[in-house]
Amino acid sequence: MNKATRKTLADFTVQIEAIKDQLADIQGQIESIKGQVETVSEEEREKFDNMPEGLQEGDRGQAIQEAADTLESAVSDMDDAINGVENAIANIEMAMQ
């Protein structure tokens, strides 16, 4: 690696650190929202589970179950996003070495 290339890479260090900090903030925000969505999902699941079987099979019961399922899917997607952010941070740190 020549001097010009090293200088160019050194110039990127500040920008990369800023991106790393932003990604860490985003990860924290996603985790916070995920916790809230998990709570709502659990509440919906509990509502459904506490309904008599006849009501579970009705429109209202099915809507509650669908909402709980969709929220659980959203939590899974947020886990994937968090893992992606963690991987991005790790890759940035490796690039800076």
PDB file of N, CA and C in Angstrom:
ATOM      1  N   MET A   1       0.864  -1.169   0.000  1.00  0.00           N
ATOM      2  CA  MET A   1       0.000   0.000   0.000  1.00  0.00           C
ATOM      3  C   MET A   1       0.907   1.228   0.000  1.00  0.00           C
ATOM      4  N   ASN A   2       0.674   2.126  -0.937  1.00  0.00           N
ATOM      5  CA  ASN A   2       1.523   3.304  -1.020  1.00  0.00           C
ATOM      6  C   ASN A   2       1.019   4.410  -0.095  1.00  0.00           C
ATOM      7  N   LYS A   3       1.808   5.465  -0.005  1.00  0.00           N
ATOM      8  CA  LYS A   3       1.507   6.574   0.905  1.00  0.00           C
ATOM      9  C   LYS A   3       0.168   7.242   0.580  1.00  0.00           C
ATOM     10  N   ALA A   4      -0.127   7.432  -0.693  1.00  0.00           N
ATOM     11  CA  ALA A   4      -1.383   8.088  -1.094  1.00  0.00           C
ATOM     12  C   ALA A   4      -2.597   7.246  -0.691  1.00  0.00           C
ATOM     13  N   THR A   5      -2.471   5.957  -0.867  1.00  0.00           N
ATOM     14  CA  THR A   5      -3.575   5.065  -0.485  1.00  0.00           C
ATOM     15  C   THR A   5      -3.785   5.082   1.022  1.00  0.00           C
ATOM     16  N   ARG A   6      -2.692   5.031   1.787  1.00  0.00           N
ATOM     17  CA  ARG A   6      -2.806   5.093   3.249  1.00  0.00           C
ATOM     18  C   ARG A   6      -3.441   6.394   3.697  1.00  0.00           C
ATOM     19  N   LYS A   7      -3.090   7.497   3.040  1.00  0.00           N
ATOM     20  CA  LYS A   7      -3.677   8.780   3.398  1.00  0.00           C
ATOM     21  C   LYS A   7      -5.175   8.792   3.095  1.00  0.00           C
ATOM     22  N   THR A   8      -5.538   8.261   1.945  1.00  0.00           N
ATOM     23  CA  THR A   8      -6.955   8.194   1.582  1.00  0.00           C
ATOM     24  C   THR A   8      -7.725   7.383   2.614  1.00  0.00           C
ATOM     25  N   LEU A   9      -7.192   6.240   2.997  1.00  0.00           N
ATOM     26  CA  LEU A   9      -7.845   5.404   4.008  1.00  0.00           C
ATOM     27  C   LEU A   9      -7.907   6.110   5.360  1.00  0.00           C
ATOM     28  N   ALA A  10      -6.871   6.814   5.706  1.00  0.00           N
ATOM     29  CA  ALA A  10      -6.869   7.555   6.966  1.00  0.00           C
ATOM     30  C   ALA A  10      -7.930   8.648   6.952  1.00  0.00           C
ATOM     31  N   ASP A  11      -8.131   9.272   5.805  1.00  0.00           N
ATOM     32  CA  ASP A  11      -9.161  10.308   5.688  1.00  0.00           C
ATOM     33  C   ASP A  11     -10.563   9.740   5.904  1.00  0.00           C
ATOM     34  N   PHE A  12     -10.753   8.486   5.543  1.00  0.00           N
ATOM     35  CA  PHE A  12     -12.059   7.852   5.720  1.00  0.00           C
ATOM     36  C   PHE A  12     -12.337   7.457   7.165  1.00  0.00           C
ATOM     37  N   THR A  13     -11.308   7.389   7.988  1.00  0.00           N
ATOM     38  CA  THR A  13     -11.465   6.909   9.362  1.00  0.00           C
ATOM     39  C   THR A  13     -12.509   7.708  10.134  1.00  0.00           C
ATOM     40  N   VAL A  14     -12.490   9.022  10.023  1.00  0.00           N
ATOM     41  CA  VAL A  14     -13.455   9.856  10.747  1.00  0.00           C
ATOM     42  C   VAL A  14     -14.867   9.569  10.254  1.00  0.00           C
ATOM     43  N   GLN A  15     -15.032   9.468   8.956  1.00  0.00           N
ATOM     44  CA  GLN A  15     -16.349   9.180   8.391  1.00  0.00           C
ATOM     45  C   GLN A  15     -16.837   7.795   8.810  1.00  0.00           C
ATOM     46  N   ILE A  16     -15.936   6.825   8.801  1.00  0.00           N
ATOM     47  CA  ILE A  16     -16.306   5.469   9.186  1.00  0.00           C
ATOM     48  C   ILE A  16     -16.715   5.427  10.655  1.00  0.00           C
ATOM     49  N   GLU A  17     -16.004   6.121  11.515  1.00  0.00           N
ATOM     50  CA  GLU A  17     -16.359   6.172  12.942  1.00  0.00           C
ATOM     51  C   GLU A  17     -17.748   6.789  13.124  1.00  0.00           C
ATOM     52  N   ALA A  18     -18.051   7.829  12.357  1.00  0.00           N
ATOM     53  CA  ALA A  18     -19.366   8.463  12.448  1.00  0.00           C
ATOM     54  C   ALA A  18     -20.457   7.488  12.012  1.00  0.00           C
ATOM     55  N   ILE A  19     -20.221   6.757  10.943  1.00  0.00           N
ATOM     56  CA  ILE A  19     -21.185   5.766  10.470  1.00  0.00           C
ATOM     57  C   ILE A  19     -21.368   4.681  11.525  1.00  0.00           C
ATOM     58  N   LYS A  20     -20.272   4.235  12.108  1.00  0.00           N
ATOM     59  CA  LYS A  20     -20.344   3.208  13.154  1.00  0.00           C
ATOM     60  C   LYS A  20     -21.201   3.699  14.325  1.00  0.00           C
ATOM     61  N   ASP A  21     -21.009   4.945  14.736  1.00  0.00           N
ATOM     62  CA  ASP A  21     -21.813   5.517  15.822  1.00  0.00           C
ATOM     63  C   ASP A  21     -23.293   5.595  15.440  1.00  0.00           C
ATOM     64  N   GLN A  22     -23.571   6.005  14.207  1.00  0.00           N
ATOM     65  CA  GLN A  22     -24.959   6.079  13.738  1.00  0.00           C
ATOM     66  C   GLN A  22     -25.606   4.704  13.721  1.00  0.00           C
ATOM     67  N   LEU A  23     -24.872   3.701  13.268  1.00  0.00           N
ATOM     68  CA  LEU A  23     -25.411   2.346  13.244  1.00  0.00           C
ATOM     69  C   LEU A  23     -25.705   1.842  14.652  1.00  0.00           C
ATOM     70  N   ALA A  24     -24.832   2.171  15.595  1.00  0.00           N
ATOM     71  CA  ALA A  24     -25.071   1.769  16.983  1.00  0.00           C
ATOM     72  C   ALA A  24     -26.331   2.441  17.525  1.00  0.00           C
ATOM     73  N   ASP A  25     -26.536   3.716  17.176  1.00  0.00           N
ATOM     74  CA  ASP A  25     -27.761   4.414  17.589  1.00  0.00           C
ATOM     75  C   ASP A  25     -29.003   3.764  16.970  1.00  0.00           C
ATOM     76  N   ILE A  26     -28.908   3.439  15.698  1.00  0.00           N
ATOM     77  CA  ILE A  26     -30.023   2.796  15.003  1.00  0.00           C
ATOM     78  C   ILE A  26     -30.336   1.447  15.659  1.00  0.00           C
ATOM     79  N   GLN A  27     -29.297   0.704  15.983  1.00  0.00           N
ATOM     80  CA  GLN A  27     -29.492  -0.579  16.639  1.00  0.00           C
ATOM     81  C   GLN A  27     -30.250  -0.397  17.958  1.00  0.00           C
ATOM     82  N   GLY A  28     -29.865   0.589  18.746  1.00  0.00           N
ATOM     83  CA  GLY A  28     -30.554   0.855  20.002  1.00  0.00           C
ATOM     84  C   GLY A  28     -32.010   1.228  19.801  1.00  0.00           C
ATOM     85  N   GLN A  29     -32.274   2.025  18.780  1.00  0.00           N
ATOM     86  CA  GLN A  29     -33.658   2.413  18.487  1.00  0.00           C
ATOM     87  C   GLN A  29     -34.492   1.215  18.065  1.00  0.00           C
ATOM     88  N   ILE A  30     -33.918   0.358  17.233  1.00  0.00           N
ATOM     89  CA  ILE A  30     -34.639  -0.834  16.787  1.00  0.00           C
ATOM     90  C   ILE A  30     -34.929  -1.738  17.977  1.00  0.00           C
ATOM     91  N   GLU A  31     -33.949  -1.910  18.858  1.00  0.00           N
ATOM     92  CA  GLU A  31     -34.149  -2.751  20.036  1.00  0.00           C
ATOM     93  C   GLU A  31     -35.252  -2.199  20.932  1.00  0.00           C
ATOM     94  N   SER A  32     -35.301  -0.889  21.074  1.00  0.00           N
ATOM     95  CA  SER A  32     -36.337  -0.266  21.894  1.00  0.00           C
ATOM     96  C   SER A  32     -37.724  -0.508  21.301  1.00  0.00           C
ATOM     97  N   ILE A  33     -37.854  -0.266  20.021  1.00  0.00           N
ATOM     98  CA  ILE A  33     -39.136  -0.473  19.343  1.00  0.00           C
ATOM     99  C   ILE A  33     -39.515  -1.951  19.383  1.00  0.00           C
ATOM    100  N   LYS A  34     -38.530  -2.819  19.181  1.00  0.00           N
ATOM    101  CA  LYS A  34     -38.787  -4.262  19.204  1.00  0.00           C
ATOM    102  C   LYS A  34     -39.386  -4.673  20.548  1.00  0.00           C
ATOM    103  N   GLY A  35     -38.854  -4.148  21.636  1.00  0.00           N
ATOM    104  CA  GLY A  35     -39.391  -4.470  22.955  1.00  0.00           C
ATOM    105  C   GLY A  35     -40.841  -4.053  23.099  1.00  0.00           C
ATOM    106  N   GLN A  36     -41.165  -2.891  22.572  1.00  0.00           N
ATOM    107  CA  GLN A  36     -42.542  -2.404  22.635  1.00  0.00           C
ATOM    108  C   GLN A  36     -43.475  -3.266  21.784  1.00  0.00           C
ATOM    109  N   VAL A  37     -43.017  -3.641  20.602  1.00  0.00           N
ATOM    110  CA  VAL A  37     -43.822  -4.480  19.712  1.00  0.00           C
ATOM    111  C   VAL A  37     -44.023  -5.861  20.344  1.00  0.00           C
ATOM    112  N   GLU A  38     -42.977  -6.383  20.980  1.00  0.00           N
ATOM    113  CA  GLU A  38     -43.105  -7.676  21.662  1.00  0.00           C
ATOM    114  C   GLU A  38     -44.178  -7.622  22.743  1.00  0.00           C
ATOM    115  N   THR A  39     -44.205  -6.531  23.490  1.00  0.00           N
ATOM    116  CA  THR A  39     -45.205  -6.373  24.547  1.00  0.00           C
ATOM    117  C   THR A  39     -46.612  -6.386  23.971  1.00  0.00           C
ATOM    118  N   VAL A  40     -46.834  -5.617  22.918  1.00  0.00           N
ATOM    119  CA  VAL A  40     -48.157  -5.569  22.291  1.00  0.00           C
ATOM    120  C   VAL A  40     -48.518  -6.938  21.717  1.00  0.00           C
ATOM    121  N   SER A  41     -47.556  -7.594  21.092  1.00  0.00           N
ATOM    122  CA  SER A  41     -47.799  -8.922  20.532  1.00  0.00           C
ATOM    123  C   SER A  41     -48.217  -9.910  21.618  1.00  0.00           C
ATOM    124  N   GLU A  42     -47.509  -9.881  22.738  1.00  0.00           N
ATOM    125  CA  GLU A  42     -47.839 -10.774  23.850  1.00  0.00           C
ATOM    126  C   GLU A  42     -49.227 -10.471  24.413  1.00  0.00           C
ATOM    127  N   GLU A  43     -49.585  -9.192  24.480  1.00  0.00           N
ATOM    128  CA  GLU A  43     -50.917  -8.808  24.960  1.00  0.00           C
ATOM    129  C   GLU A  43     -52.004  -9.332  24.024  1.00  0.00           C
ATOM    130  N   GLU A  44     -51.768  -9.206  22.722  1.00  0.00           N
ATOM    131  CA  GLU A  44     -52.740  -9.695  21.747  1.00  0.00           C
ATOM    132  C   GLU A  44     -52.850 -11.219  21.824  1.00  0.00           C
ATOM    133  N   ARG A  45     -51.723 -11.882  21.956  1.00  0.00           N
ATOM    134  CA  ARG A  45     -51.723 -13.349  22.054  1.00  0.00           C
ATOM    135  C   ARG A  45     -52.481 -13.777  23.318  1.00  0.00           C
ATOM    136  N   GLU A  46     -52.263 -13.070  24.419  1.00  0.00           N
ATOM    137  CA  GLU A  46     -52.950 -13.385  25.672  1.00  0.00           C
ATOM    138  C   GLU A  46     -54.462 -13.165  25.541  1.00  0.00           C
ATOM    139  N   LYS A  47     -54.842 -12.059  24.871  1.00  0.00           N
ATOM    140  CA  LYS A  47     -56.271 -11.811  24.630  1.00  0.00           C
ATOM    141  C   LYS A  47     -56.902 -12.983  23.884  1.00  0.00           C
ATOM    142  N   PHE A  48     -56.223 -13.396  22.836  1.00  0.00           N
ATOM    143  CA  PHE A  48     -56.736 -14.498  22.024  1.00  0.00           C
ATOM    144  C   PHE A  48     -56.822 -15.781  22.849  1.00  0.00           C
ATOM    145  N   ASP A  49     -55.748 -16.096  23.585  1.00  0.00           N
ATOM    146  CA  ASP A  49     -55.719 -17.333  24.369  1.00  0.00           C
ATOM    147  C   ASP A  49     -56.788 -17.359  25.457  1.00  0.00           C
ATOM    148  N   ASN A  50     -57.178 -16.192  25.965  1.00  0.00           N
ATOM    149  CA  ASN A  50     -58.174 -16.117  27.028  1.00  0.00           C
ATOM    150  C   ASN A  50     -59.612 -16.088  26.515  1.00  0.00           C
ATOM    151  N   MET A  51     -59.791 -16.046  25.205  1.00  0.00           N
ATOM    152  CA  MET A  51     -61.132 -16.054  24.625  1.00  0.00           C
ATOM    153  C   MET A  51     -61.676 -17.479  24.603  1.00  0.00           C
ATOM    154  N   PRO A  52     -62.973 -17.614  24.787  1.00  0.00           N
ATOM    155  CA  PRO A  52     -63.563 -18.950  24.593  1.00  0.00           C
ATOM    156  C   PRO A  52     -63.315 -19.409  23.150  1.00  0.00           C
ATOM    157  N   GLU A  53     -63.230 -20.703  22.978  1.00  0.00           N
ATOM    158  CA  GLU A  53     -62.907 -21.262  21.662  1.00  0.00           C
ATOM    159  C   GLU A  53     -63.869 -20.797  20.575  1.00  0.00           C
ATOM    160  N   GLY A  54     -65.131 -20.687  20.913  1.00  0.00           N
ATOM    161  CA  GLY A  54     -66.119 -20.236  19.925  1.00  0.00           C
ATOM    162  C   GLY A  54     -65.824 -18.821  19.440  1.00  0.00           C
ATOM    163  N   LEU A  55     -65.406 -17.953  20.352  1.00  0.00           N
ATOM    164  CA  LEU A  55     -65.068 -16.575  19.965  1.00  0.00           C
ATOM    165  C   LEU A  55     -63.741 -16.521  19.209  1.00  0.00           C
ATOM    166  N   GLN A  56     -62.820 -17.412  19.548  1.00  0.00           N
ATOM    167  CA  GLN A  56     -61.532 -17.452  18.833  1.00  0.00           C
ATOM    168  C   GLN A  56     -61.751 -17.701  17.347  1.00  0.00           C
ATOM    169  N   GLU A  57     -62.749 -18.491  17.046  1.00  0.00           N
ATOM    170  CA  GLU A  57     -63.016 -18.843  15.654  1.00  0.00           C
ATOM    171  C   GLU A  57     -63.811 -17.770  14.916  1.00  0.00           C
ATOM    172  N   GLY A  58     -64.356 -16.799  15.651  1.00  0.00           N
ATOM    173  CA  GLY A  58     -65.118 -15.718  15.027  1.00  0.00           C
ATOM    174  C   GLY A  58     -64.212 -14.670  14.407  1.00  0.00           C
ATOM    175  N   ASP A  59     -64.838 -13.675  13.789  1.00  0.00           N
ATOM    176  CA  ASP A  59     -64.091 -12.607  13.107  1.00  0.00           C
ATOM    177  C   ASP A  59     -63.151 -11.872  14.056  1.00  0.00           C
ATOM    178  N   ARG A  60     -63.666 -11.516  15.221  1.00  0.00           N
ATOM    179  CA  ARG A  60     -62.850 -10.773  16.200  1.00  0.00           C
ATOM    180  C   ARG A  60     -61.650 -11.602  16.661  1.00  0.00           C
ATOM    181  N   GLY A  61     -61.900 -12.862  16.980  1.00  0.00           N
ATOM    182  CA  GLY A  61     -60.819 -13.742  17.417  1.00  0.00           C
ATOM    183  C   GLY A  61     -59.771 -13.920  16.341  1.00  0.00           C
ATOM    184  N   GLN A  62     -60.225 -14.101  15.114  1.00  0.00           N
ATOM    185  CA  GLN A  62     -59.292 -14.271  14.004  1.00  0.00           C
ATOM    186  C   GLN A  62     -58.471 -13.003  13.764  1.00  0.00           C
ATOM    187  N   ALA A  63     -59.108 -11.850  13.933  1.00  0.00           N
ATOM    188  CA  ALA A  63     -58.391 -10.574  13.763  1.00  0.00           C
ATOM    189  C   ALA A  63     -57.315 -10.419  14.838  1.00  0.00           C
ATOM    190  N   ILE A  64     -57.645 -10.792  16.067  1.00  0.00           N
ATOM    191  CA  ILE A  64     -56.672 -10.705  17.159  1.00  0.00           C
ATOM    192  C   ILE A  64     -55.504 -11.656  16.901  1.00  0.00           C
ATOM    193  N   GLN A  65     -55.820 -12.868  16.491  1.00  0.00           N
ATOM    194  CA  GLN A  65     -54.761 -13.839  16.201  1.00  0.00           C
ATOM    195  C   GLN A  65     -53.873 -13.367  15.054  1.00  0.00           C
ATOM    196  N   GLU A  66     -54.478 -12.828  14.030  1.00  0.00           N
ATOM    197  CA  GLU A  66     -53.700 -12.326  12.885  1.00  0.00           C
ATOM    198  C   GLU A  66     -52.799 -11.169  13.300  1.00  0.00           C
ATOM    199  N   ALA A  67     -53.319 -10.280  14.143  1.00  0.00           N
ATOM    200  CA  ALA A  67     -52.506  -9.163  14.627  1.00  0.00           C
ATOM    201  C   ALA A  67     -51.315  -9.679  15.429  1.00  0.00           C
ATOM    202  N   ALA A  68     -51.549 -10.648  16.312  1.00  0.00           N
ATOM    203  CA  ALA A  68     -50.460 -11.215  17.114  1.00  0.00           C
ATOM    204  C   ALA A  68     -49.418 -11.876  16.214  1.00  0.00           C
ATOM    205  N   ASP A  69     -49.867 -12.638  15.227  1.00  0.00           N
ATOM    206  CA  ASP A  69     -48.943 -13.297  14.291  1.00  0.00           C
ATOM    207  C   ASP A  69     -48.123 -12.278  13.514  1.00  0.00           C
ATOM    208  N   THR A  70     -48.776 -11.227  13.045  1.00  0.00           N
ATOM    209  CA  THR A  70     -48.085 -10.197  12.271  1.00  0.00           C
ATOM    210  C   THR A  70     -47.062  -9.461  13.127  1.00  0.00           C
ATOM    211  N   LEU A  71     -47.416  -9.167  14.367  1.00  0.00           N
ATOM    212  CA  LEU A  71     -46.483  -8.500  15.272  1.00  0.00           C
ATOM    213  C   LEU A  71     -45.294  -9.406  15.597  1.00  0.00           C
ATOM    214  N   GLU A  72     -45.539 -10.694  15.772  1.00  0.00           N
ATOM    215  CA  GLU A  72     -44.438 -11.631  16.011  1.00  0.00           C
ATOM    216  C   GLU A  72     -43.498 -11.674  14.813  1.00  0.00           C
ATOM    217  N   SER A  73     -44.064 -11.605  13.627  1.00  0.00           N
ATOM    218  CA  SER A  73     -43.250 -11.555  12.413  1.00  0.00           C
ATOM    219  C   SER A  73     -42.409 -10.275  12.368  1.00  0.00           C
ATOM    220  N   ALA A  74     -43.012  -9.167  12.790  1.00  0.00           N
ATOM    221  CA  ALA A  74     -42.283  -7.895  12.828  1.00  0.00           C
ATOM    222  C   ALA A  74     -41.115  -7.973  13.799  1.00  0.00           C
ATOM    223  N   VAL A  75     -41.317  -8.622  14.940  1.00  0.00           N
ATOM    224  CA  VAL A  75     -40.239  -8.784  15.927  1.00  0.00           C
ATOM    225  C   VAL A  75     -39.099  -9.599  15.305  1.00  0.00           C
ATOM    226  N   SER A  76     -39.443 -10.654  14.595  1.00  0.00           N
ATOM    227  CA  SER A  76     -38.431 -11.465  13.924  1.00  0.00           C
ATOM    228  C   SER A  76     -37.652 -10.639  12.901  1.00  0.00           C
ATOM    229  N   ASP A  77     -38.370  -9.807  12.143  1.00  0.00           N
ATOM    230  CA  ASP A  77     -37.715  -8.938  11.156  1.00  0.00           C
ATOM    231  C   ASP A  77     -36.787  -7.938  11.845  1.00  0.00           C
ATOM    232  N   MET A  78     -37.206  -7.431  13.008  1.00  0.00           N
ATOM    233  CA  MET A  78     -36.349  -6.494  13.737  1.00  0.00           C
ATOM    234  C   MET A  78     -35.108  -7.198  14.274  1.00  0.00           C
ATOM    235  N   ASP A  79     -35.245  -8.458  14.686  1.00  0.00           N
ATOM    236  CA  ASP A  79     -34.064  -9.232  15.088  1.00  0.00           C
ATOM    237  C   ASP A  79     -33.086  -9.338  13.927  1.00  0.00           C
ATOM    238  N   ASP A  80     -33.620  -9.598  12.732  1.00  0.00           N
ATOM    239  CA  ASP A  80     -32.772  -9.674  11.540  1.00  0.00           C
ATOM    240  C   ASP A  80     -32.080  -8.335  11.283  1.00  0.00           C
ATOM    241  N   ALA A  81     -32.811  -7.243  11.460  1.00  0.00           N
ATOM    242  CA  ALA A  81     -32.233  -5.910  11.251  1.00  0.00           C
ATOM    243  C   ALA A  81     -31.128  -5.640  12.263  1.00  0.00           C
ATOM    244  N   ILE A  82     -31.358  -6.011  13.512  1.00  0.00           N
ATOM    245  CA  ILE A  82     -30.348  -5.814  14.555  1.00  0.00           C
ATOM    246  C   ILE A  82     -29.096  -6.616  14.214  1.00  0.00           C
ATOM    247  N   ASN A  83     -29.285  -7.863  13.784  1.00  0.00           N
ATOM    248  CA  ASN A  83     -28.132  -8.679  13.400  1.00  0.00           C
ATOM    249  C   ASN A  83     -27.392  -8.049  12.217  1.00  0.00           C
ATOM    250  N   GLY A  84     -28.133  -7.502  11.273  1.00  0.00           N
ATOM    251  CA  GLY A  84     -27.500  -6.830  10.140  1.00  0.00           C
ATOM    252  C   GLY A  84     -26.684  -5.623  10.561  1.00  0.00           C
ATOM    253  N   VAL A  85     -27.222  -4.846  11.484  1.00  0.00           N
ATOM    254  CA  VAL A  85     -26.498  -3.679  11.991  1.00  0.00           C
ATOM    255  C   VAL A  85     -25.246  -4.128  12.739  1.00  0.00           C
ATOM    256  N   GLU A  86     -25.372  -5.175  13.567  1.00  0.00           N
ATOM    257  CA  GLU A  86     -24.205  -5.690  14.289  1.00  0.00           C
ATOM    258  C   GLU A  86     -23.125  -6.147  13.321  1.00  0.00           C
ATOM    259  N   ASN A  87     -23.533  -6.834  12.249  1.00  0.00           N
ATOM    260  CA  ASN A  87     -22.571  -7.281  11.240  1.00  0.00           C
ATOM    261  C   ASN A  87     -21.916  -6.096  10.537  1.00  0.00           C
ATOM    262  N   ALA A  88     -22.701  -5.069  10.243  1.00  0.00           N
ATOM    263  CA  ALA A  88     -22.147  -3.881   9.587  1.00  0.00           C
ATOM    264  C   ALA A  88     -21.111  -3.214  10.486  1.00  0.00           C
ATOM    265  N   ILE A  89     -21.417  -3.090  11.771  1.00  0.00           N
ATOM    266  CA  ILE A  89     -20.467  -2.487  12.711  1.00  0.00           C
ATOM    267  C   ILE A  89     -19.191  -3.321  12.775  1.00  0.00           C
ATOM    268  N   ALA A  90     -19.333  -4.647  12.856  1.00  0.00           N
ATOM    269  CA  ALA A  90     -18.160  -5.525  12.912  1.00  0.00           C
ATOM    270  C   ALA A  90     -17.303  -5.389  11.638  1.00  0.00           C
ATOM    271  N   ASN A  91     -17.972  -5.295  10.487  1.00  0.00           N
ATOM    272  CA  ASN A  91     -17.240  -5.134   9.229  1.00  0.00           C
ATOM    273  C   ASN A  91     -16.512  -3.805   9.174  1.00  0.00           C
ATOM    274  N   ILE A  92     -17.152  -2.757   9.663  1.00  0.00           N
ATOM    275  CA  ILE A  92     -16.492  -1.447   9.688  1.00  0.00           C
ATOM    276  C   ILE A  92     -15.264  -1.498  10.594  1.00  0.00           C
ATOM    277  N   GLU A  93     -15.424  -2.129  11.759  1.00  0.00           N
ATOM    278  CA  GLU A  93     -14.289  -2.229  12.687  1.00  0.00           C
ATOM    279  C   GLU A  93     -13.145  -3.019  12.068  1.00  0.00           C
ATOM    280  N   MET A  94     -13.470  -4.101  11.339  1.00  0.00           N
ATOM    281  CA  MET A  94     -12.417  -4.883  10.676  1.00  0.00           C
ATOM    282  C   MET A  94     -11.732  -4.063   9.584  1.00  0.00           C
ATOM    283  N   ALA A  95     -12.487  -3.267   8.870  1.00  0.00           N
ATOM    284  CA  ALA A  95     -11.916  -2.458   7.798  1.00  0.00           C
ATOM    285  C   ALA A  95     -10.973  -1.401   8.356  1.00  0.00           C
ATOM    286  N   MET A  96     -11.214  -0.984   9.581  1.00  0.00           N
ATOM    287  CA  MET A  96     -10.404   0.080  10.175  1.00  0.00           C
ATOM    288  C   MET A  96      -9.073  -0.454  10.730  1.00  0.00           C
ATOM    289  N   GLN A  97      -8.925  -1.758  10.833  1.00  0.00           N
ATOM    290  CA  GLN A  97      -7.696  -2.321  11.405  1.00  0.00           C
ATOM    291  C   GLN A  97      -6.548  -2.262  10.436  1.00  0.00           C
TER     292      GLN A  97
END
